[in-house]
C-alpha atoms as a PDB file:
ATOM      1  CA  MET A   1    -171.351 -14.222-204.964  1.00  0.00           C
ATOM      2  CA  LYS A   2    -168.368 -16.403-204.018  1.00  0.00           C
ATOM      3  CA  ASN A   3    -169.861 -16.724-200.414  1.00  0.00           C
ATOM      4  CA  GLY A   4    -172.761 -18.319-201.722  1.00  0.00           C
ATOM      5  CA  GLN A   5    -171.067 -20.980-203.679  1.00  0.00           C
ATOM      6  CA  GLY A   6    -168.655 -21.497-200.669  1.00  0.00           C
ATOM      7  CA  MET A   7    -171.812 -22.375-198.649  1.00  0.00           C
ATOM      8  CA  LYS A   8    -173.647 -24.364-201.352  1.00  0.00           C
ATOM      9  CA  ARG A   9    -169.994 -26.539-201.465  1.00  0.00           C
ATOM     10  CA  ALA A  10    -170.322 -26.742-197.444  1.00  0.00           C
ATOM     11  CA  MET A  11    -173.519 -28.008-197.494  1.00  0.00           C
ATOM     12  CA  VAL A  12    -172.926 -30.755-200.369  1.00  0.00           C
ATOM     13  CA  ILE A  13    -169.754 -31.948-198.377  1.00  0.00           C
ATOM     14  CA  ILE A  14    -171.937 -32.274-194.952  1.00  0.00           C
ATOM     15  CA  GLY A  15    -174.624 -34.215-196.797  1.00  0.00           C
ATOM     16  CA  LEU A  16    -172.143 -36.435-198.467  1.00  0.00           C
ATOM     17  CA  ALA A  17    -170.608 -37.092-195.043  1.00  0.00           C
ATOM     18  CA  VAL A  18    -173.876 -37.733-193.412  1.00  0.00           C
ATOM     19  CA  LEU A  19    -175.092 -40.332-195.992  1.00  0.00           C
ATOM     20  CA  VAL A  20    -171.731 -41.996-196.234  1.00  0.00           C
ATOM     21  CA  SER A  21    -171.851 -42.268-192.433  1.00  0.00           C
ATOM     22  CA  GLY A  22    -174.292 -44.872-192.205  1.00  0.00           C
ATOM     23  CA  CYS A  23    -172.295 -46.997-194.708  1.00  0.00           C
ATOM     24  CA  ALA A  24    -171.167 -50.477-193.425  1.00  0.00           C
ATOM     25  CA  PRO A  25    -167.676 -51.402-194.074  1.00  0.00           C
ATOM     26  CA  ASN A  26    -166.668 -52.683-197.322  1.00  0.00           C
ATOM     27  CA  SER A  27    -165.431 -56.175-196.387  1.00  0.00           C
ATOM     28  CA  LEU A  28    -166.894 -59.627-197.695  1.00  0.00           C
ATOM     29  CA  TYR A  29    -165.305 -61.579-194.892  1.00  0.00           C
ATOM     30  CA  LEU A  30    -167.802 -60.027-192.129  1.00  0.00           C
ATOM     31  CA  PRO A  31    -170.461 -62.260-191.163  1.00  0.00           C
ATOM     32  CA  LYS A  32    -173.929 -61.132-191.932  1.00  0.00           C
ATOM     33  CA  GLU A  33    -175.626 -62.172-188.743  1.00  0.00           C
ATOM     34  CA  TYR A  34    -174.373 -62.522-185.156  1.00  0.00           C
ATOM     35  CA  ASP A  35    -173.844 -66.214-184.307  1.00  0.00           C
ATOM     36  CA  PRO A  36    -172.590 -66.689-180.640  1.00  0.00           C
ATOM     37  CA  THR A  37    -171.299 -69.942-181.737  1.00  0.00           C
ATOM     38  CA  ALA A  38    -169.002 -69.033-184.335  1.00  0.00           C
ATOM     39  CA  SER A  39    -168.662 -65.077-184.071  1.00  0.00           C
ATOM     40  CA  ALA A  40    -168.091 -62.177-181.385  1.00  0.00           C
ATOM     41  CA  ARG A  41    -168.874 -58.578-181.438  1.00  0.00           C
ATOM     42  CA  LEU A  42    -166.521 -55.843-181.272  1.00  0.00           C
ATOM     43  CA  ARG A  43    -167.111 -52.189-180.905  1.00  0.00           C
ATOM     44  CA  VAL A  44    -164.446 -49.516-182.176  1.00  0.00           C
ATOM     45  CA  TYR A  45    -164.580 -46.105-180.586  1.00  0.00           C
ATOM     46  CA  PHE A  46    -163.915 -43.288-182.520  1.00  0.00           C
ATOM     47  CA  GLY A  47    -160.329 -41.821-182.365  1.00  0.00           C
ATOM     48  CA  PRO A  48    -157.641 -42.285-184.915  1.00  0.00           C
ATOM     49  CA  ALA A  49    -158.056 -44.310-188.083  1.00  0.00           C
ATOM     50  CA  THR A  50    -158.367 -47.989-187.084  1.00  0.00           C
ATOM     51  CA  ARG A  51    -157.814 -50.822-189.708  1.00  0.00           C
ATOM     52  CA  ILE A  52    -159.040 -54.512-188.763  1.00  0.00           C
ATOM     53  CA  THR A  53    -157.329 -57.217-190.382  1.00  0.00           C
ATOM     54  CA  LEU A  54    -158.598 -60.897-189.893  1.00  0.00           C
ATOM     55  CA  ASN A  55    -156.690 -63.893-189.865  1.00  0.00           C
ATOM     56  CA  HIS A  56    -153.257 -62.150-189.687  1.00  0.00           C
ATOM     57  CA  THR A  57    -150.754 -62.119-186.678  1.00  0.00           C
ATOM     58  CA  CYS A  58    -148.744 -58.977-188.407  1.00  0.00           C
ATOM     59  CA  LEU A  59    -149.362 -56.030-190.489  1.00  0.00           C
ATOM     60  CA  ASP A  60    -149.883 -57.222-194.060  1.00  0.00           C
ATOM     61  CA  SER A  61    -149.079 -54.459-196.762  1.00  0.00           C
ATOM     62  CA  SER A  62    -151.624 -56.123-199.165  1.00  0.00           C
ATOM     63  CA  ARG A  63    -154.403 -55.370-196.642  1.00  0.00           C
ATOM     64  CA  SER A  64    -156.181 -58.835-197.549  1.00  0.00           C
ATOM     65  CA  TYR A  65    -159.093 -59.532-195.370  1.00  0.00           C
ATOM     66  CA  SER A  66    -159.034 -55.918-193.926  1.00  0.00           C
ATOM     67  CA  PHE A  67    -161.475 -53.136-193.635  1.00  0.00           C
ATOM     68  CA  GLU A  68    -161.055 -49.457-192.235  1.00  0.00           C
ATOM     69  CA  ALA A  69    -163.284 -49.504-188.819  1.00  0.00           C
ATOM     70  CA  ASN A  70    -162.890 -46.134-187.912  1.00  0.00           C
ATOM     71  CA  ASP A  71    -162.451 -43.386-190.310  1.00  0.00           C
ATOM     72  CA  PRO A  72    -162.425 -40.131-188.326  1.00  0.00           C
ATOM     73  CA  MET A  73    -163.736 -38.240-191.007  1.00  0.00           C
ATOM     74  CA  VAL A  74    -166.830 -39.743-191.343  1.00  0.00           C
ATOM     75  CA  ARG A  75    -167.742 -42.498-188.778  1.00  0.00           C
ATOM     76  CA  GLY A  76    -167.808 -40.132-186.013  1.00  0.00           C
ATOM     77  CA  PHE A  77    -171.300 -38.397-187.149  1.00  0.00           C
ATOM     78  CA  SER A  78    -173.342 -41.482-186.488  1.00  0.00           C
ATOM     79  CA  ASN A  79    -172.862 -44.811-184.398  1.00  0.00           C
ATOM     80  CA  THR A  80    -173.507 -48.075-186.154  1.00  0.00           C
ATOM     81  CA  VAL A  81    -175.059 -50.110-183.230  1.00  0.00           C
ATOM     82  CA  ILE A  82    -175.866 -53.738-183.154  1.00  0.00           C
ATOM     83  CA  GLY A  83    -176.930 -54.191-179.708  1.00  0.00           C
ATOM     84  CA  MET A  84    -173.519 -54.527-177.761  1.00  0.00           C
ATOM     85  CA  PRO A  85    -173.992 -53.792-174.024  1.00  0.00           C
ATOM     86  CA  MET A  86    -172.648 -50.204-172.996  1.00  0.00           C
ATOM     87  CA  PRO A  87    -170.429 -49.708-170.228  1.00  0.00           C
ATOM     88  CA  ASN A  88    -170.566 -46.071-168.379  1.00  0.00           C
ATOM     89  CA  ILE A  89    -167.588 -44.402-169.969  1.00  0.00           C
ATOM     90  CA  ASP A  90    -167.027 -41.108-171.498  1.00  0.00           C
ATOM     91  CA  GLU A  91    -166.710 -42.599-175.123  1.00  0.00           C
ATOM     92  CA  LYS A  92    -169.886 -41.818-176.880  1.00  0.00           C
ATOM     93  CA  TYR A  93    -169.029 -42.363-180.711  1.00  0.00           C
ATOM     94  CA  TYR A  94    -168.469 -45.800-182.259  1.00  0.00           C
ATOM     95  CA  SER A  95    -169.242 -48.520-184.592  1.00  0.00           C
ATOM     96  CA  GLU A  96    -169.849 -51.994-183.848  1.00  0.00           C
ATOM     97  CA  TYR A  97    -169.166 -55.051-185.990  1.00  0.00           C
ATOM     98  CA  VAL A  98    -169.791 -58.518-185.927  1.00  0.00           C
ATOM     99  CA  VAL A  99    -166.323 -60.640-186.728  1.00  0.00           C
ATOM    100  CA  MET A 100    -165.501 -64.142-186.882  1.00  0.00           C
ATOM    101  CA  ALA A 101    -164.159 -65.536-183.648  1.00  0.00           C
ATOM    102  CA  GLY A 102    -161.489 -68.080-183.173  1.00  0.00           C
ATOM    103  CA  ILE A 103    -159.054 -66.788-185.591  1.00  0.00           C
ATOM    104  CA  PRO A 104    -156.318 -63.999-185.291  1.00  0.00           C
ATOM    105  CA  ILE A 105    -157.536 -60.661-185.492  1.00  0.00           C
ATOM    106  CA  ASN A 106    -155.133 -57.690-186.155  1.00  0.00           C
ATOM    107  CA  ILE A 107    -156.239 -53.907-184.762  1.00  0.00           C
ATOM    108  CA  HIS A 108    -154.287 -51.214-186.153  1.00  0.00           C
ATOM    109  CA  SER A 109    -154.919 -47.717-184.747  1.00  0.00           C
ATOM    110  CA  ARG A 110    -152.791 -44.895-186.287  1.00  0.00           C
ATOM    111  CA  GLY A 111    -152.715 -41.182-187.098  1.00  0.00           C
ATOM    112  CA  GLY A 112    -150.299 -38.326-187.742  1.00  0.00           C
ATOM    113  CA  GLY A 113    -147.411 -38.876-190.139  1.00  0.00           C
ATOM    114  CA  TRP A 114    -147.684 -35.320-192.598  1.00  0.00           C
ATOM    115  CA  SER A 115    -145.942 -32.265-193.114  1.00  0.00           C
ATOM    116  CA  HIS A 116    -146.845 -28.959-194.070  1.00  0.00           C
ATOM    117  CA  PRO A 117    -145.049 -25.740-194.539  1.00  0.00           C
ATOM    118  CA  ASN A 118    -146.131 -22.739-192.177  1.00  0.00           C
ATOM    119  CA  ALA A 119    -146.544 -19.426-192.925  1.00  0.00           C
ATOM    120  CA  ILE A 120    -142.896 -18.541-193.278  1.00  0.00           C
ATOM    121  CA  GLY A 121    -142.128 -21.327-195.437  1.00  0.00           C
ATOM    122  CA  MET A 122    -140.611 -23.861-192.822  1.00  0.00           C
ATOM    123  CA  SER A 123    -141.951 -27.560-193.162  1.00  0.00           C
ATOM    124  CA  ILE A 124    -143.733 -28.808-189.905  1.00  0.00           C
ATOM    125  CA  TYR A 125    -143.804 -32.416-189.762  1.00  0.00           C
ATOM    126  CA  TRP A 126    -145.688 -34.874-187.440  1.00  0.00           C
ATOM    127  CA  PRO A 127    -144.995 -38.163-186.904  1.00  0.00           C
ATOM    128  CA  GLU A 128    -147.011 -41.173-187.448  1.00  0.00           C
ATOM    129  CA  PHE A 129    -148.239 -42.526-184.035  1.00  0.00           C
ATOM    130  CA  GLY A 130    -150.192 -45.666-183.270  1.00  0.00           C
ATOM    131  CA  GLN A 131    -149.780 -49.200-182.171  1.00  0.00           C
ATOM    132  CA  SER A 132    -151.083 -52.752-183.764  1.00  0.00           C
ATOM    133  CA  ILE A 133    -151.925 -55.396-181.317  1.00  0.00           C
ATOM    134  CA  THR A 134    -153.251 -58.967-182.187  1.00  0.00           C
ATOM    135  CA  ALA A 135    -155.406 -61.249-180.585  1.00  0.00           C
ATOM    136  CA  VAL A 136    -158.118 -64.179-180.932  1.00  0.00           C
ATOM    137  CA  LEU A 137    -161.651 -63.111-180.077  1.00  0.00           C
ATOM    138  CA  GLU A 138    -163.714 -65.979-178.425  1.00  0.00           C
ATOM    139  CA  PRO A 139    -167.120 -66.903-179.730  1.00  0.00           C
ATOM    140  CA  GLY A 140    -170.441 -65.378-178.163  1.00  0.00           C
ATOM    141  CA  LYS A 141    -168.251 -62.560-176.273  1.00  0.00           C
ATOM    142  CA  ASP A 142    -168.279 -58.594-176.967  1.00  0.00           C
ATOM    143  CA  TYR A 143    -165.213 -56.849-177.125  1.00  0.00           C
ATOM    144  CA  GLU A 144    -164.494 -52.976-177.701  1.00  0.00           C
ATOM    145  CA  THR A 145    -161.157 -51.218-178.783  1.00  0.00           C
ATOM    146  CA  LEU A 146    -159.819 -47.561-178.441  1.00  0.00           C
ATOM    147  CA  TYR A 147    -156.718 -45.940-178.777  1.00  0.00           C
ATOM    148  CA  GLN A 148    -155.197 -44.569-175.493  1.00  0.00           C
ATOM    149  CA  HIS A 149    -151.906 -42.949-176.403  1.00  0.00           C
ATOM    150  CA  PRO A 150    -149.472 -44.784-176.693  1.00  0.00           C
ATOM    151  CA  ASN A 151    -151.436 -47.941-176.717  1.00  0.00           C
ATOM    152  CA  THR A 152    -154.343 -49.617-178.534  1.00  0.00           C
ATOM    153  CA  VAL A 153    -156.542 -51.297-175.888  1.00  0.00           C
ATOM    154  CA  LEU A 154    -158.563 -54.138-176.197  1.00  0.00           C
ATOM    155  CA  ARG A 155    -161.116 -55.079-173.453  1.00  0.00           C
ATOM    156  CA  GLU A 156    -163.985 -57.741-173.179  1.00  0.00           C
ATOM    157  CA  LEU A 157    -167.521 -56.562-171.976  1.00  0.00           C
ATOM    158  CA  VAL A 158    -168.926 -58.403-169.275  1.00  0.00           C
ATOM    159  CA  VAL A 159    -172.278 -57.862-167.374  1.00  0.00           C
ATOM    160  CA  VAL A 160    -172.383 -58.639-163.686  1.00  0.00           C
ATOM    161  CA  ASP A 161    -175.756 -57.906-161.865  1.00  0.00           C
ATOM    162  CA  GLY A 162    -177.021 -55.718-164.817  1.00  0.00           C
ATOM    163  CA  VAL A 163    -173.891 -53.548-164.810  1.00  0.00           C
ATOM    164  CA  VAL A 164    -171.594 -53.812-167.775  1.00  0.00           C
ATOM    165  CA  ARG A 165    -167.724 -53.980-166.685  1.00  0.00           C
ATOM    166  CA  THR A 166    -164.708 -54.050-168.993  1.00  0.00           C
ATOM    167  CA  LYS A 167    -161.827 -56.242-168.184  1.00  0.00           C
ATOM    168  CA  PRO A 168    -158.586 -56.415-170.310  1.00  0.00           C
ATOM    169  CA  VAL A 169    -157.563 -59.029-172.966  1.00  0.00           C
ATOM    170  CA  ALA A 170    -154.135 -60.477-173.562  1.00  0.00           C
ATOM    171  CA  VAL A 171    -152.770 -59.269-176.787  1.00  0.00           C
ATOM    172  CA  LYS A 172    -149.517 -59.294-178.640  1.00  0.00           C
ATOM    173  CA  LYS A 173    -147.888 -56.284-180.091  1.00  0.00           C
ATOM    174  CA  SER A 174    -147.984 -57.002-184.153  1.00  0.00           C
ATOM    175  CA  GLU A 175    -145.062 -56.066-186.451  1.00  0.00           C
ATOM    176  CA  VAL A 176    -144.891 -55.735-190.395  1.00  0.00           C
ATOM    177  CA  CYS A 177    -145.326 -59.101-191.879  1.00  0.00           C
ATOM    178  CA  LYS A 178    -141.851 -60.252-193.480  1.00  0.00           C
ATOM    179  CA  LYS A 179    -141.709 -61.674-196.933  1.00  0.00           C
ATOM    180  CA  GLY A 180    -143.086 -65.322-196.464  1.00  0.00           C
ATOM    181  CA  GLU A 181    -144.258 -65.062-193.016  1.00  0.00           C
ATOM    182  CA  ILE A 182    -148.180 -64.222-194.177  1.00  0.00           C
ATOM    183  CA  GLU A 183    -149.938 -67.889-193.579  1.00  0.00           C
ATOM    184  CA  ARG A 184    -153.538 -67.530-193.721  1.00  0.00           C
ATOM    185  CA  ILE A 185    -156.506 -70.004-194.369  1.00  0.00           C
ATOM    186  CA  PRO A 186    -158.922 -68.836-196.643  1.00  0.00           C
ATOM    187  CA  LEU A 187    -162.058 -67.335-194.653  1.00  0.00           C
ATOM    188  CA  PRO A 188    -165.399 -68.020-195.841  1.00  0.00           C
ATOM    189  CA  MET A 189    -167.411 -64.944-197.241  1.00  0.00           C
ATOM    190  CA  GLY A 190    -170.069 -63.400-194.970  1.00  0.00           C
END
């Protein structure tokens, strides 16, 4: 009897994960439609959790203007596609977003940071890893980001003679915002 209940519970969890995997990120500040004169497109590959924060050059603990772009527990089940060109790479699981261009964007990829007692009672600790970067995306361009330990990578997608190529984008390493450092212009809601 217990085995049957466990199977039902597993099926419910899988069903909920598949249902949630198609959900868009919960951010009022993402444009509803792609306008190449005011927005850019951004692909986030499956990997460590990735938080995107708009209109910030530092990590803001209030998480205003932020959304989780890559929840490895859910987003990897189903790609969210908006029509970006795809380079010939091994990464196959991703989500694509329309984001406002011309403002700072902070990309924070992170993982680890937990401890658990092992079989003999000793605690095993995995330190948090990751990196935050800041860049300004240009209107009408396509970008992609992924985590390649120890760096968060941002690159532009360029189509040359029908072949999609990538080129690195100049980024700055982000630090945690200091008190009074957060200066933001209110963003229009998408």
